[in-house]
């Protein structure tokens, strides 16, 4: 039987949580769960651009190293 506590990557989890906290401190709130995502009329094009840039930074921090194949 799979034991989540035994197999959980706590270091990766902590890194992700820290990255999300950094985004919140910059005014960008990203809820990392499979829920409905939406953009309202209250979001300007600059808001959307800033969010996409920030999410791109987070994803690049978690990118796996490219193999030499």
C-alpha atoms as a PDB file:
ATOM      1  CA  UNK A   1       0.000   0.000   0.000  1.00  0.00           C
ATOM      2  CA  UNK A   2       1.247   3.467  -0.917  1.00  0.00           C
ATOM      3  CA  UNK A   3       2.026   5.607   2.094  1.00  0.00           C
ATOM      4  CA  UNK A   4       1.810   9.306   1.212  1.00  0.00           C
ATOM      5  CA  UNK A   5       3.817  10.408   4.240  1.00  0.00           C
ATOM      6  CA  UNK A   6       6.627   7.996   3.363  1.00  0.00           C
ATOM      7  CA  UNK A   7       6.779   8.984  -0.294  1.00  0.00           C
ATOM      8  CA  UNK A   8       5.963  12.684  -0.170  1.00  0.00           C
ATOM      9  CA  UNK A   9       8.654  15.063  -1.431  1.00  0.00           C
ATOM     10  CA  UNK A  10       8.591  17.476   1.507  1.00  0.00           C
ATOM     11  CA  UNK A  11      11.514  19.528   0.152  1.00  0.00           C
ATOM     12  CA  UNK A  12       9.689  20.128  -3.146  1.00  0.00           C
ATOM     13  CA  UNK A  13       6.482  20.914  -1.275  1.00  0.00           C
ATOM     14  CA  UNK A  14       8.275  23.495   0.867  1.00  0.00           C
ATOM     15  CA  UNK A  15       9.917  25.033  -2.214  1.00  0.00           C
ATOM     16  CA  UNK A  16       6.522  25.353  -3.924  1.00  0.00           C
ATOM     17  CA  UNK A  17       4.932  26.908  -0.850  1.00  0.00           C
ATOM     18  CA  UNK A  18       7.768  29.434  -0.569  1.00  0.00           C
ATOM     19  CA  UNK A  19       7.384  30.333  -4.260  1.00  0.00           C
ATOM     20  CA  UNK A  20       3.652  30.876  -3.769  1.00  0.00           C
ATOM     21  CA  UNK A  21       4.272  33.060  -0.702  1.00  0.00           C
ATOM     22  CA  UNK A  22       6.710  35.165  -2.735  1.00  0.00           C
ATOM     23  CA  UNK A  23       4.000  35.664  -5.369  1.00  0.00           C
ATOM     24  CA  UNK A  24       1.455  36.710  -2.742  1.00  0.00           C
ATOM     25  CA  UNK A  25       3.971  39.229  -1.383  1.00  0.00           C
ATOM     26  CA  UNK A  26       4.159  40.647  -4.941  1.00  0.00           C
ATOM     27  CA  UNK A  27       0.381  40.957  -5.090  1.00  0.00           C
ATOM     28  CA  UNK A  28      -0.279  37.848  -7.176  1.00  0.00           C
ATOM     29  CA  UNK A  29      -2.496  35.182  -5.639  1.00  0.00           C
ATOM     30  CA  UNK A  30      -2.458  31.806  -7.346  1.00  0.00           C
ATOM     31  CA  UNK A  31      -4.536  29.024  -5.830  1.00  0.00           C
ATOM     32  CA  UNK A  32      -2.625  25.813  -6.686  1.00  0.00           C
ATOM     33  CA  UNK A  33      -5.559  23.437  -6.898  1.00  0.00           C
ATOM     34  CA  UNK A  34      -7.661  22.044  -9.691  1.00  0.00           C
ATOM     35  CA  UNK A  35     -10.382  24.635  -9.391  1.00  0.00           C
ATOM     36  CA  UNK A  36     -12.026  26.992 -11.826  1.00  0.00           C
ATOM     37  CA  UNK A  37      -9.653  29.694 -13.052  1.00  0.00           C
ATOM     38  CA  UNK A  38     -11.080  32.973 -14.211  1.00  0.00           C
ATOM     39  CA  UNK A  39     -10.124  36.454 -15.231  1.00  0.00           C
ATOM     40  CA  UNK A  40     -12.615  39.192 -14.515  1.00  0.00           C
ATOM     41  CA  UNK A  41     -13.079  42.577 -16.124  1.00  0.00           C
ATOM     42  CA  UNK A  42     -11.341  43.954 -13.030  1.00  0.00           C
ATOM     43  CA  UNK A  43      -8.040  42.496 -14.301  1.00  0.00           C
ATOM     44  CA  UNK A  44      -6.162  44.811 -16.623  1.00  0.00           C
ATOM     45  CA  UNK A  45      -3.927  43.589 -19.416  1.00  0.00           C
ATOM     46  CA  UNK A  46      -0.968  44.589 -17.210  1.00  0.00           C
ATOM     47  CA  UNK A  47      -2.372  42.423 -14.372  1.00  0.00           C
ATOM     48  CA  UNK A  48      -2.621  39.431 -16.705  1.00  0.00           C
ATOM     49  CA  UNK A  49       0.901  40.030 -18.079  1.00  0.00           C
ATOM     50  CA  UNK A  50       2.368  40.315 -14.568  1.00  0.00           C
ATOM     51  CA  UNK A  51       0.619  37.118 -13.491  1.00  0.00           C
ATOM     52  CA  UNK A  52       1.811  35.183 -16.535  1.00  0.00           C
ATOM     53  CA  UNK A  53       5.372  36.400 -16.022  1.00  0.00           C
ATOM     54  CA  UNK A  54       5.297  35.420 -12.350  1.00  0.00           C
ATOM     55  CA  UNK A  55       3.834  31.970 -13.056  1.00  0.00           C
ATOM     56  CA  UNK A  56       6.491  31.486 -15.743  1.00  0.00           C
ATOM     57  CA  UNK A  57       9.193  32.276 -13.188  1.00  0.00           C
ATOM     58  CA  UNK A  58       7.770  29.730 -10.748  1.00  0.00           C
ATOM     59  CA  UNK A  59       7.525  27.054 -13.434  1.00  0.00           C
ATOM     60  CA  UNK A  60      11.122  27.661 -14.523  1.00  0.00           C
ATOM     61  CA  UNK A  61      12.243  27.216 -10.898  1.00  0.00           C
ATOM     62  CA  UNK A  62      10.643  23.772 -10.902  1.00  0.00           C
ATOM     63  CA  UNK A  63      11.708  22.703 -14.384  1.00  0.00           C
ATOM     64  CA  UNK A  64      13.543  19.419 -14.566  1.00  0.00           C
ATOM     65  CA  UNK A  65      17.081  19.581 -15.893  1.00  0.00           C
ATOM     66  CA  UNK A  66      17.307  18.760 -19.585  1.00  0.00           C
ATOM     67  CA  UNK A  67      18.922  15.432 -20.310  1.00  0.00           C
ATOM     68  CA  UNK A  68      21.899  15.220 -22.609  1.00  0.00           C
ATOM     69  CA  UNK A  69      20.127  12.908 -25.071  1.00  0.00           C
END
